Amino acid sequence: KGLEYLIVLSCKDPNHAEITCPIVAIQDIYSVVEDGEGCFPQEVLSAVPGEEREHLLMVVYQGGNNAVYRFCMLEESRPSLDMFLECLRILCIYAQQASATKTNPTI
């Protein structure tokens, strides 16, 4: 409802959140198509077959204690990857603007 978190659920247990990422804390979003394979950990690339790598994305965000976290996702198709990236970028802009409004309200 508040569009504050990107929540990634476990495939094995959809009631269990694997990752809860504050959208306002997202620092960058990478995709193999736009940024190249060099941005991705080798262990991730070795787990994804070559033909599916164009569906791969990685979200980098700042968590508690100023630690930087990252997670990778594999979309089912190139169009779904493009749509996810566009929507997440829009949500990031919205979250940053909402956060700035909360910390610096106009009088």
N, C-alpha and C. Protein backbone atom coordinates (compact mmCIF):
# COMPACT_ATOMS: atom_id res chain seq x y z
N LYS A 1 0.83 -1.20 0.00
CA LYS A 1 0.00 0.00 0.00
C LYS A 1 0.86 1.25 0.00
N GLY A 2 1.87 1.29 0.88
CA GLY A 2 2.73 2.46 0.96
C GLY A 2 3.86 2.43 -0.04
N LEU A 3 4.04 1.31 -0.74
CA LEU A 3 5.10 1.16 -1.73
C LEU A 3 6.46 1.52 -1.15
N GLU A 4 6.73 1.03 0.06
CA GLU A 4 7.98 1.36 0.74
C GLU A 4 9.04 0.29 0.62
N TYR A 5 8.64 -0.96 0.36
CA TYR A 5 9.59 -2.07 0.36
C TYR A 5 9.44 -2.92 -0.90
N LEU A 6 10.57 -3.41 -1.37
CA LEU A 6 10.60 -4.46 -2.37
C LEU A 6 10.82 -5.74 -1.58
N ILE A 7 9.86 -6.64 -1.62
CA ILE A 7 9.94 -7.87 -0.84
C ILE A 7 10.07 -9.05 -1.79
N VAL A 8 11.12 -9.83 -1.59
CA VAL A 8 11.36 -11.02 -2.40
C VAL A 8 11.01 -12.22 -1.53
N LEU A 9 10.07 -13.02 -2.01
CA LEU A 9 9.60 -14.18 -1.26
C LEU A 9 10.36 -15.43 -1.66
N SER A 10 10.41 -16.37 -0.75
CA SER A 10 11.02 -17.67 -1.00
C SER A 10 10.15 -18.48 -1.96
N CYS A 11 10.77 -19.15 -2.92
CA CYS A 11 10.02 -20.03 -3.83
C CYS A 11 9.44 -21.22 -3.06
N LYS A 12 10.17 -21.67 -2.07
CA LYS A 12 9.74 -22.85 -1.31
C LYS A 12 8.65 -22.53 -0.30
N ASP A 13 8.69 -21.33 0.25
CA ASP A 13 7.70 -20.92 1.25
C ASP A 13 7.29 -19.47 0.99
N PRO A 14 6.21 -19.26 0.23
CA PRO A 14 5.81 -17.90 -0.11
C PRO A 14 5.39 -17.05 1.08
N ASN A 15 5.26 -17.65 2.25
CA ASN A 15 4.96 -16.88 3.46
C ASN A 15 6.22 -16.33 4.12
N HIS A 16 7.38 -16.72 3.58
CA HIS A 16 8.66 -16.31 4.15
C HIS A 16 9.34 -15.30 3.23
N ALA A 17 9.62 -14.12 3.76
CA ALA A 17 10.33 -13.09 2.99
C ALA A 17 11.82 -13.36 3.05
N GLU A 18 12.42 -13.61 1.90
CA GLU A 18 13.87 -13.79 1.82
C GLU A 18 14.59 -12.45 1.96
N ILE A 19 14.02 -11.43 1.32
CA ILE A 19 14.64 -10.11 1.31
C ILE A 19 13.55 -9.06 1.49
N THR A 20 13.81 -8.11 2.37
CA THR A 20 12.95 -6.95 2.52
C THR A 20 13.84 -5.73 2.31
N CYS A 21 13.71 -5.13 1.15
CA CYS A 21 14.58 -4.04 0.74
C CYS A 21 13.80 -2.73 0.73
N PRO A 22 14.18 -1.76 1.56
CA PRO A 22 13.52 -0.45 1.51
C PRO A 22 13.79 0.20 0.15
N ILE A 23 12.75 0.57 -0.55
CA ILE A 23 12.92 1.14 -1.89
C ILE A 23 13.75 2.41 -1.84
N VAL A 24 13.57 3.21 -0.80
CA VAL A 24 14.32 4.45 -0.68
C VAL A 24 15.82 4.19 -0.50
N ALA A 25 16.20 2.99 -0.07
CA ALA A 25 17.61 2.65 0.18
C ALA A 25 18.31 2.07 -1.05
N ILE A 26 17.57 1.87 -2.14
CA ILE A 26 18.19 1.30 -3.34
C ILE A 26 19.17 2.31 -3.93
N GLN A 27 20.40 1.85 -4.11
CA GLN A 27 21.46 2.72 -4.65
C GLN A 27 21.63 2.55 -6.15
N ASP A 28 21.44 1.32 -6.63
CA ASP A 28 21.60 1.09 -8.07
C ASP A 28 20.89 -0.20 -8.46
N ILE A 29 20.56 -0.29 -9.73
CA ILE A 29 19.94 -1.48 -10.30
C ILE A 29 20.73 -1.80 -11.57
N TYR A 30 21.27 -3.00 -11.63
CA TYR A 30 22.08 -3.40 -12.78
C TYR A 30 21.35 -4.48 -13.57
N SER A 31 21.59 -4.49 -14.87
CA SER A 31 21.14 -5.61 -15.70
C SER A 31 22.29 -5.96 -16.64
N VAL A 32 22.36 -7.22 -17.02
CA VAL A 32 23.41 -7.65 -17.94
C VAL A 32 23.27 -6.91 -19.26
N VAL A 33 22.03 -6.72 -19.71
CA VAL A 33 21.77 -6.07 -20.99
C VAL A 33 22.30 -4.63 -21.00
N GLU A 34 22.06 -3.88 -19.93
CA GLU A 34 22.44 -2.47 -19.90
C GLU A 34 23.84 -2.22 -19.36
N ASP A 35 24.30 -3.08 -18.43
CA ASP A 35 25.55 -2.80 -17.72
C ASP A 35 26.66 -3.81 -17.96
N GLY A 36 26.34 -4.94 -18.57
CA GLY A 36 27.35 -5.96 -18.84
C GLY A 36 27.52 -6.94 -17.70
N GLU A 37 28.17 -8.05 -18.02
CA GLU A 37 28.36 -9.12 -17.04
C GLU A 37 29.37 -8.76 -15.96
N GLY A 38 30.24 -7.78 -16.23
CA GLY A 38 31.27 -7.40 -15.27
C GLY A 38 30.73 -6.86 -13.96
N CYS A 39 29.48 -6.44 -13.93
CA CYS A 39 28.86 -5.90 -12.71
C CYS A 39 28.37 -7.01 -11.78
N PHE A 40 28.33 -8.23 -12.27
CA PHE A 40 27.72 -9.32 -11.53
C PHE A 40 28.77 -10.25 -10.93
N PRO A 41 28.46 -10.81 -9.74
CA PRO A 41 29.38 -11.77 -9.14
C PRO A 41 29.53 -13.01 -10.04
N GLN A 42 30.74 -13.52 -10.10
CA GLN A 42 31.02 -14.68 -10.95
C GLN A 42 30.18 -15.88 -10.56
N GLU A 43 29.93 -16.07 -9.26
CA GLU A 43 29.13 -17.22 -8.83
C GLU A 43 27.69 -17.14 -9.34
N VAL A 44 27.19 -15.94 -9.52
CA VAL A 44 25.84 -15.77 -10.09
C VAL A 44 25.87 -16.09 -11.58
N LEU A 45 26.85 -15.53 -12.28
CA LEU A 45 26.95 -15.78 -13.72
C LEU A 45 27.13 -17.26 -14.03
N SER A 46 27.90 -17.95 -13.21
CA SER A 46 28.13 -19.38 -13.47
C SER A 46 26.87 -20.21 -13.22
N ALA A 47 25.94 -19.68 -12.44
CA ALA A 47 24.70 -20.41 -12.14
C ALA A 47 23.60 -20.14 -13.18
N VAL A 48 23.80 -19.14 -14.02
CA VAL A 48 22.78 -18.76 -15.00
C VAL A 48 23.28 -19.10 -16.41
N PRO A 49 22.55 -19.94 -17.13
CA PRO A 49 22.96 -20.28 -18.51
C PRO A 49 23.06 -19.02 -19.38
N GLY A 50 23.97 -19.03 -20.32
CA GLY A 50 24.24 -17.87 -21.17
C GLY A 50 23.02 -17.24 -21.81
N GLU A 51 22.11 -18.07 -22.31
CA GLU A 51 20.93 -17.53 -23.00
C GLU A 51 19.95 -16.86 -22.04
N GLU A 52 20.05 -17.14 -20.75
CA GLU A 52 19.14 -16.53 -19.76
C GLU A 52 19.75 -15.30 -19.09
N ARG A 53 21.01 -15.03 -19.34
CA ARG A 53 21.67 -13.91 -18.66
C ARG A 53 21.07 -12.56 -19.00
N GLU A 54 20.45 -12.44 -20.18
CA GLU A 54 19.84 -11.15 -20.52
C GLU A 54 18.59 -10.88 -19.68
N HIS A 55 18.19 -11.84 -18.86
CA HIS A 55 17.04 -11.67 -17.95
C HIS A 55 17.49 -11.37 -16.52
N LEU A 56 18.79 -11.26 -16.32
CA LEU A 56 19.38 -11.12 -14.99
C LEU A 56 19.47 -9.66 -14.57
N LEU A 57 19.14 -9.41 -13.29
CA LEU A 57 19.30 -8.07 -12.73
C LEU A 57 19.83 -8.16 -11.31
N MET A 58 20.41 -7.08 -10.84
CA MET A 58 20.95 -7.03 -9.48
C MET A 58 20.56 -5.69 -8.86
N VAL A 59 20.05 -5.77 -7.64
CA VAL A 59 19.67 -4.58 -6.88
C VAL A 59 20.71 -4.39 -5.78
N VAL A 60 21.23 -3.18 -5.66
CA VAL A 60 22.19 -2.83 -4.61
C VAL A 60 21.52 -1.80 -3.71
N TYR A 61 21.53 -2.09 -2.41
CA TYR A 61 20.88 -1.16 -1.49
C TYR A 61 21.64 -1.07 -0.17
N GLN A 62 21.38 0.01 0.55
CA GLN A 62 22.02 0.23 1.85
C GLN A 62 21.08 -0.24 2.94
N GLY A 63 21.59 -1.15 3.77
CA GLY A 63 20.79 -1.67 4.86
C GLY A 63 21.20 -1.05 6.18
N GLY A 64 20.84 -1.74 7.25
CA GLY A 64 21.19 -1.26 8.58
C GLY A 64 22.69 -1.17 8.77
N ASN A 65 23.11 -0.32 9.69
CA ASN A 65 24.53 -0.10 9.99
C ASN A 65 25.31 0.36 8.76
N ASN A 66 24.63 0.98 7.80
CA ASN A 66 25.25 1.47 6.57
C ASN A 66 25.90 0.38 5.73
N ALA A 67 25.55 -0.86 5.98
CA ALA A 67 26.09 -1.97 5.18
C ALA A 67 25.42 -1.95 3.81
N VAL A 68 26.18 -2.32 2.79
CA VAL A 68 25.65 -2.38 1.43
C VAL A 68 25.34 -3.84 1.11
N TYR A 69 24.13 -4.08 0.64
CA TYR A 69 23.67 -5.42 0.29
C TYR A 69 23.32 -5.46 -1.19
N ARG A 70 23.34 -6.64 -1.73
CA ARG A 70 22.92 -6.82 -3.12
C ARG A 70 22.25 -8.17 -3.26
N PHE A 71 21.32 -8.22 -4.19
CA PHE A 71 20.69 -9.50 -4.51
C PHE A 71 20.40 -9.52 -6.00
N CYS A 72 20.40 -10.71 -6.54
CA CYS A 72 20.16 -10.89 -7.97
C CYS A 72 18.83 -11.59 -8.18
N MET A 73 18.20 -11.24 -9.29
CA MET A 73 16.93 -11.86 -9.67
C MET A 73 17.01 -12.21 -11.15
N LEU A 74 16.25 -13.23 -11.52
CA LEU A 74 16.17 -13.64 -12.91
C LEU A 74 14.72 -13.51 -13.36
N GLU A 75 14.47 -12.59 -14.26
CA GLU A 75 13.12 -12.42 -14.79
C GLU A 75 12.85 -13.50 -15.84
N GLU A 76 11.58 -13.74 -16.12
CA GLU A 76 11.24 -14.83 -17.03
C GLU A 76 11.42 -14.47 -18.50
N SER A 77 11.45 -13.18 -18.83
CA SER A 77 11.62 -12.77 -20.22
C SER A 77 12.25 -11.38 -20.28
N ARG A 78 12.72 -11.02 -21.43
CA ARG A 78 13.28 -9.68 -21.61
C ARG A 78 12.23 -8.60 -21.42
N PRO A 79 11.01 -8.75 -21.99
CA PRO A 79 9.99 -7.72 -21.74
C PRO A 79 9.65 -7.57 -20.26
N SER A 80 9.60 -8.68 -19.51
CA SER A 80 9.29 -8.57 -18.08
C SER A 80 10.44 -7.92 -17.32
N LEU A 81 11.68 -8.16 -17.76
CA LEU A 81 12.84 -7.50 -17.16
C LEU A 81 12.74 -5.99 -17.40
N ASP A 82 12.49 -5.60 -18.64
CA ASP A 82 12.39 -4.18 -18.96
C ASP A 82 11.29 -3.49 -18.16
N MET A 83 10.15 -4.15 -18.02
CA MET A 83 9.04 -3.57 -17.27
C MET A 83 9.38 -3.46 -15.78
N PHE A 84 9.99 -4.51 -15.23
CA PHE A 84 10.38 -4.50 -13.82
C PHE A 84 11.37 -3.36 -13.56
N LEU A 85 12.39 -3.24 -14.41
CA LEU A 85 13.38 -2.18 -14.23
C LEU A 85 12.75 -0.80 -14.29
N GLU A 86 11.90 -0.58 -15.26
CA GLU A 86 11.25 0.72 -15.39
C GLU A 86 10.39 1.04 -14.17
N CYS A 87 9.60 0.07 -13.73
CA CYS A 87 8.73 0.29 -12.56
C CYS A 87 9.54 0.53 -11.30
N LEU A 88 10.60 -0.24 -11.10
CA LEU A 88 11.42 -0.07 -9.91
C LEU A 88 12.12 1.28 -9.92
N ARG A 89 12.59 1.71 -11.06
CA ARG A 89 13.23 3.04 -11.14
C ARG A 89 12.23 4.15 -10.81
N ILE A 90 11.01 4.02 -11.28
CA ILE A 90 9.97 5.00 -10.96
C ILE A 90 9.68 5.00 -9.47
N LEU A 91 9.57 3.81 -8.88
CA LEU A 91 9.32 3.71 -7.44
C LEU A 91 10.47 4.31 -6.63
N CYS A 92 11.70 4.13 -7.10
CA CYS A 92 12.86 4.71 -6.40
C CYS A 92 12.78 6.23 -6.41
N ILE A 93 12.45 6.81 -7.54
CA ILE A 93 12.32 8.27 -7.62
C ILE A 93 11.21 8.75 -6.69
N TYR A 94 10.08 8.07 -6.73
CA TYR A 94 8.95 8.42 -5.86
C TYR A 94 9.36 8.33 -4.38
N ALA A 95 10.03 7.24 -4.00
CA ALA A 95 10.43 7.04 -2.60
C ALA A 95 11.42 8.10 -2.15
N GLN A 96 12.36 8.47 -3.02
CA GLN A 96 13.33 9.50 -2.67
C GLN A 96 12.66 10.86 -2.51
N GLN A 97 11.71 11.17 -3.38
CA GLN A 97 10.99 12.43 -3.26
C GLN A 97 10.13 12.46 -2.00
N ALA A 98 9.47 11.35 -1.70
CA ALA A 98 8.65 11.27 -0.49
C ALA A 98 9.51 11.40 0.76
N SER A 99 10.68 10.79 0.74
CA SER A 99 11.60 10.87 1.88
C SER A 99 12.10 12.30 2.06
N ALA A 100 12.42 12.96 0.97
CA ALA A 100 12.89 14.34 1.04
C ALA A 100 11.80 15.26 1.56
N THR A 101 10.56 15.00 1.19
CA THR A 101 9.43 15.79 1.66
C THR A 101 9.23 15.62 3.16
N LYS A 102 9.44 14.39 3.65
CA LYS A 102 9.29 14.14 5.09
C LYS A 102 10.36 14.85 5.90
N THR A 103 11.61 14.86 5.37
CA THR A 103 12.70 15.48 6.13
C THR A 103 12.76 16.99 5.95
N ASN A 104 12.24 17.50 4.83
CA ASN A 104 12.25 18.94 4.57
C ASN A 104 10.86 19.40 4.12
N PRO A 105 9.88 19.36 5.01
CA PRO A 105 8.54 19.77 4.59
C PRO A 105 8.50 21.26 4.26
N THR A 106 7.74 21.59 3.24
CA THR A 106 7.59 23.00 2.89
C THR A 106 6.54 23.63 3.80
N ILE A 107 6.74 24.86 4.11
CA ILE A 107 5.84 25.55 5.04
C ILE A 107 4.79 26.31 4.28
